[in-house]
C-alpha atoms as a PDB file:
ATOM      1  CA  UNK A   1      12.013  74.909  30.334  1.00  0.00           C
ATOM      2  CA  UNK A   2       9.600  72.444  31.583  1.00  0.00           C
ATOM      3  CA  UNK A   3      10.139  68.658  31.794  1.00  0.00           C
ATOM      4  CA  UNK A   4       7.339  66.261  30.394  1.00  0.00           C
ATOM      5  CA  UNK A   5       6.702  62.539  29.832  1.00  0.00           C
ATOM      6  CA  UNK A   6       4.952  61.883  26.518  1.00  0.00           C
ATOM      7  CA  UNK A   7       3.284  58.657  25.694  1.00  0.00           C
ATOM      8  CA  UNK A   8       1.797  57.773  22.204  1.00  0.00           C
ATOM      9  CA  UNK A   9       0.048  54.899  20.625  1.00  0.00           C
ATOM     10  CA  UNK A  10       0.537  54.040  16.859  1.00  0.00           C
ATOM     11  CA  UNK A  11      -1.630  51.846  14.849  1.00  0.00           C
ATOM     12  CA  UNK A  12      -1.076  48.022  14.830  1.00  0.00           C
ATOM     13  CA  UNK A  13      -0.368  47.807  11.150  1.00  0.00           C
ATOM     14  CA  UNK A  14       2.843  50.006  11.103  1.00  0.00           C
ATOM     15  CA  UNK A  15       6.203  48.341  11.675  1.00  0.00           C
ATOM     16  CA  UNK A  16       8.626  48.950  14.308  1.00  0.00           C
ATOM     17  CA  UNK A  17      10.887  50.907  11.851  1.00  0.00           C
ATOM     18  CA  UNK A  18       8.012  53.043  11.047  1.00  0.00           C
ATOM     19  CA  UNK A  19       7.362  53.714  14.962  1.00  0.00           C
ATOM     20  CA  UNK A  20      11.145  54.795  15.197  1.00  0.00           C
ATOM     21  CA  UNK A  21      10.689  57.160  12.205  1.00  0.00           C
ATOM     22  CA  UNK A  22       7.581  58.637  14.031  1.00  0.00           C
ATOM     23  CA  UNK A  23       9.622  59.118  17.217  1.00  0.00           C
ATOM     24  CA  UNK A  24      12.396  60.693  15.046  1.00  0.00           C
ATOM     25  CA  UNK A  25       9.977  63.042  13.304  1.00  0.00           C
ATOM     26  CA  UNK A  26       8.430  64.185  16.521  1.00  0.00           C
ATOM     27  CA  UNK A  27      11.798  64.713  18.007  1.00  0.00           C
ATOM     28  CA  UNK A  28      12.597  66.952  15.215  1.00  0.00           C
ATOM     29  CA  UNK A  29       9.601  69.002  15.754  1.00  0.00           C
ATOM     30  CA  UNK A  30      10.594  69.598  19.465  1.00  0.00           C
ATOM     31  CA  UNK A  31      14.161  70.407  18.557  1.00  0.00           C
ATOM     32  CA  UNK A  32      13.092  72.910  15.993  1.00  0.00           C
ATOM     33  CA  UNK A  33      11.066  74.674  18.582  1.00  0.00           C
ATOM     34  CA  UNK A  34      13.907  74.906  21.171  1.00  0.00           C
ATOM     35  CA  UNK A  35      13.398  71.746  23.009  1.00  0.00           C
ATOM     36  CA  UNK A  36      15.381  68.706  23.579  1.00  0.00           C
ATOM     37  CA  UNK A  37      14.631  64.838  24.109  1.00  0.00           C
ATOM     38  CA  UNK A  38      16.006  62.772  26.780  1.00  0.00           C
ATOM     39  CA  UNK A  39      15.202  59.050  27.043  1.00  0.00           C
ATOM     40  CA  UNK A  40      13.127  57.217  24.312  1.00  0.00           C
ATOM     41  CA  UNK A  41      11.713  53.999  25.027  1.00  0.00           C
ATOM     42  CA  UNK A  42       9.707  51.711  22.672  1.00  0.00           C
ATOM     43  CA  UNK A  43       7.364  49.404  24.408  1.00  0.00           C
ATOM     44  CA  UNK A  44       6.381  47.352  21.516  1.00  0.00           C
ATOM     45  CA  UNK A  45       3.092  46.086  20.216  1.00  0.00           C
ATOM     46  CA  UNK A  46       0.689  45.682  23.210  1.00  0.00           C
ATOM     47  CA  UNK A  47      -3.020  44.600  23.311  1.00  0.00           C
ATOM     48  CA  UNK A  48      -5.492  47.339  24.127  1.00  0.00           C
ATOM     49  CA  UNK A  49      -8.169  46.939  26.730  1.00  0.00           C
ATOM     50  CA  UNK A  50     -10.824  48.160  24.325  1.00  0.00           C
ATOM     51  CA  UNK A  51     -10.862  49.056  20.501  1.00  0.00           C
ATOM     52  CA  UNK A  52      -9.444  52.503  19.594  1.00  0.00           C
ATOM     53  CA  UNK A  53     -10.350  53.466  16.106  1.00  0.00           C
ATOM     54  CA  UNK A  54     -10.970  49.925  15.088  1.00  0.00           C
ATOM     55  CA  UNK A  55      -7.599  48.741  16.523  1.00  0.00           C
ATOM     56  CA  UNK A  56      -7.188  45.840  19.041  1.00  0.00           C
ATOM     57  CA  UNK A  57      -3.291  46.452  19.347  1.00  0.00           C
ATOM     58  CA  UNK A  58      -0.939  49.392  19.333  1.00  0.00           C
ATOM     59  CA  UNK A  59       2.641  50.293  19.346  1.00  0.00           C
ATOM     60  CA  UNK A  60       3.407  52.290  22.423  1.00  0.00           C
ATOM     61  CA  UNK A  61       6.369  54.705  22.716  1.00  0.00           C
ATOM     62  CA  UNK A  62       7.602  56.895  25.615  1.00  0.00           C
ATOM     63  CA  UNK A  63       9.410  60.038  25.371  1.00  0.00           C
ATOM     64  CA  UNK A  64      11.123  62.237  28.140  1.00  0.00           C
ATOM     65  CA  UNK A  65      11.071  65.930  27.006  1.00  0.00           C
ATOM     66  CA  UNK A  66      12.584  68.979  28.192  1.00  0.00           C
ATOM     67  CA  UNK A  67      10.956  71.900  26.155  1.00  0.00           C
ATOM     68  CA  UNK A  68       8.843  75.132  26.188  1.00  0.00           C
ATOM     69  CA  UNK A  69       5.254  74.533  26.395  1.00  0.00           C
ATOM     70  CA  UNK A  70       4.966  76.082  22.681  1.00  0.00           C
ATOM     71  CA  UNK A  71       7.011  73.119  21.302  1.00  0.00           C
ATOM     72  CA  UNK A  72       4.903  70.562  23.195  1.00  0.00           C
ATOM     73  CA  UNK A  73       1.663  72.086  21.756  1.00  0.00           C
ATOM     74  CA  UNK A  74       3.061  72.109  18.405  1.00  0.00           C
ATOM     75  CA  UNK A  75       4.159  68.382  18.637  1.00  0.00           C
ATOM     76  CA  UNK A  76       0.762  67.549  19.857  1.00  0.00           C
ATOM     77  CA  UNK A  77      -0.883  69.467  16.934  1.00  0.00           C
ATOM     78  CA  UNK A  78       0.963  67.424  14.588  1.00  0.00           C
ATOM     79  CA  UNK A  79       0.094  64.225  16.344  1.00  0.00           C
ATOM     80  CA  UNK A  80      -3.577  65.179  16.178  1.00  0.00           C
ATOM     81  CA  UNK A  81      -3.086  65.439  12.400  1.00  0.00           C
ATOM     82  CA  UNK A  82      -0.917  62.302  11.766  1.00  0.00           C
ATOM     83  CA  UNK A  83      -2.978  59.237  10.879  1.00  0.00           C
ATOM     84  CA  UNK A  84      -0.792  56.601  12.302  1.00  0.00           C
ATOM     85  CA  UNK A  85      -1.094  58.099  15.859  1.00  0.00           C
ATOM     86  CA  UNK A  86      -4.082  56.763  17.633  1.00  0.00           C
ATOM     87  CA  UNK A  87      -3.740  58.502  21.237  1.00  0.00           C
ATOM     88  CA  UNK A  88      -1.201  60.510  23.148  1.00  0.00           C
ATOM     89  CA  UNK A  89      -0.658  61.935  26.542  1.00  0.00           C
ATOM     90  CA  UNK A  90       1.786  64.350  27.912  1.00  0.00           C
ATOM     91  CA  UNK A  91       2.320  64.899  31.544  1.00  0.00           C
ATOM     92  CA  UNK A  92       4.334  67.561  33.112  1.00  0.00           C
ATOM     93  CA  UNK A  93       6.732  65.966  35.688  1.00  0.00           C
ATOM     94  CA  UNK A  94       9.049  67.375  38.372  1.00  0.00           C
ATOM     95  CA  UNK A  95      12.194  65.336  37.262  1.00  0.00           C
ATOM     96  CA  UNK A  96      12.893  62.401  34.808  1.00  0.00           C
ATOM     97  CA  UNK A  97      13.768  58.955  35.897  1.00  0.00           C
ATOM     98  CA  UNK A  98      16.902  57.633  34.575  1.00  0.00           C
ATOM     99  CA  UNK A  99      16.002  54.012  35.356  1.00  0.00           C
ATOM    100  CA  UNK A 100      13.674  51.966  32.931  1.00  0.00           C
ATOM    101  CA  UNK A 101      10.037  52.744  33.088  1.00  0.00           C
ATOM    102  CA  UNK A 102       7.600  50.330  34.952  1.00  0.00           C
ATOM    103  CA  UNK A 103       6.440  49.037  31.569  1.00  0.00           C
ATOM    104  CA  UNK A 104       9.871  47.922  30.371  1.00  0.00           C
ATOM    105  CA  UNK A 105      10.718  46.431  33.995  1.00  0.00           C
ATOM    106  CA  UNK A 106       7.184  44.547  33.475  1.00  0.00           C
ATOM    107  CA  UNK A 107       8.323  43.257  30.139  1.00  0.00           C
ATOM    108  CA  UNK A 108      11.727  41.857  31.688  1.00  0.00           C
ATOM    109  CA  UNK A 109       9.701  40.107  34.375  1.00  0.00           C
ATOM    110  CA  UNK A 110       7.270  38.612  31.558  1.00  0.00           C
ATOM    111  CA  UNK A 111      10.557  37.243  29.767  1.00  0.00           C
ATOM    112  CA  UNK A 112      11.226  34.896  32.676  1.00  0.00           C
ATOM    113  CA  UNK A 113      10.685  31.264  31.993  1.00  0.00           C
ATOM    114  CA  UNK A 114       7.057  29.938  32.805  1.00  0.00           C
ATOM    115  CA  UNK A 115       6.545  27.871  35.975  1.00  0.00           C
ATOM    116  CA  UNK A 116       5.860  24.243  35.673  1.00  0.00           C
ATOM    117  CA  UNK A 117       2.614  22.548  36.168  1.00  0.00           C
ATOM    118  CA  UNK A 118       0.888  22.790  39.533  1.00  0.00           C
ATOM    119  CA  UNK A 119       1.330  20.001  41.948  1.00  0.00           C
ATOM    120  CA  UNK A 120      -1.770  17.844  42.523  1.00  0.00           C
ATOM    121  CA  UNK A 121      -3.770  18.840  45.641  1.00  0.00           C
END
């Protein structure tokens, strides 16, 4: 079986619990077709660089997949049909990273306290 990284964006008006439900639904689709899911990361609500289907923000989620191509194709087919999914992208990878993704590391960095005011010149 091949290894994939799958990222999808859900509409801004769905809650975090609904995004988790979406992830579980698509995880079930993969497992029903002979695949397995590794790491799942919910990146939260982020501002989009441009409007996508009249949305300015979207919930992002990352799923590491170990599945045959038929299972991934079925999951993508169901994502095309689902009204809460704005966009998705699946990339075939050589191996999965165990560490947090770059987006999670970036959000950890953003949680630092802000710097004080700049000194006068």
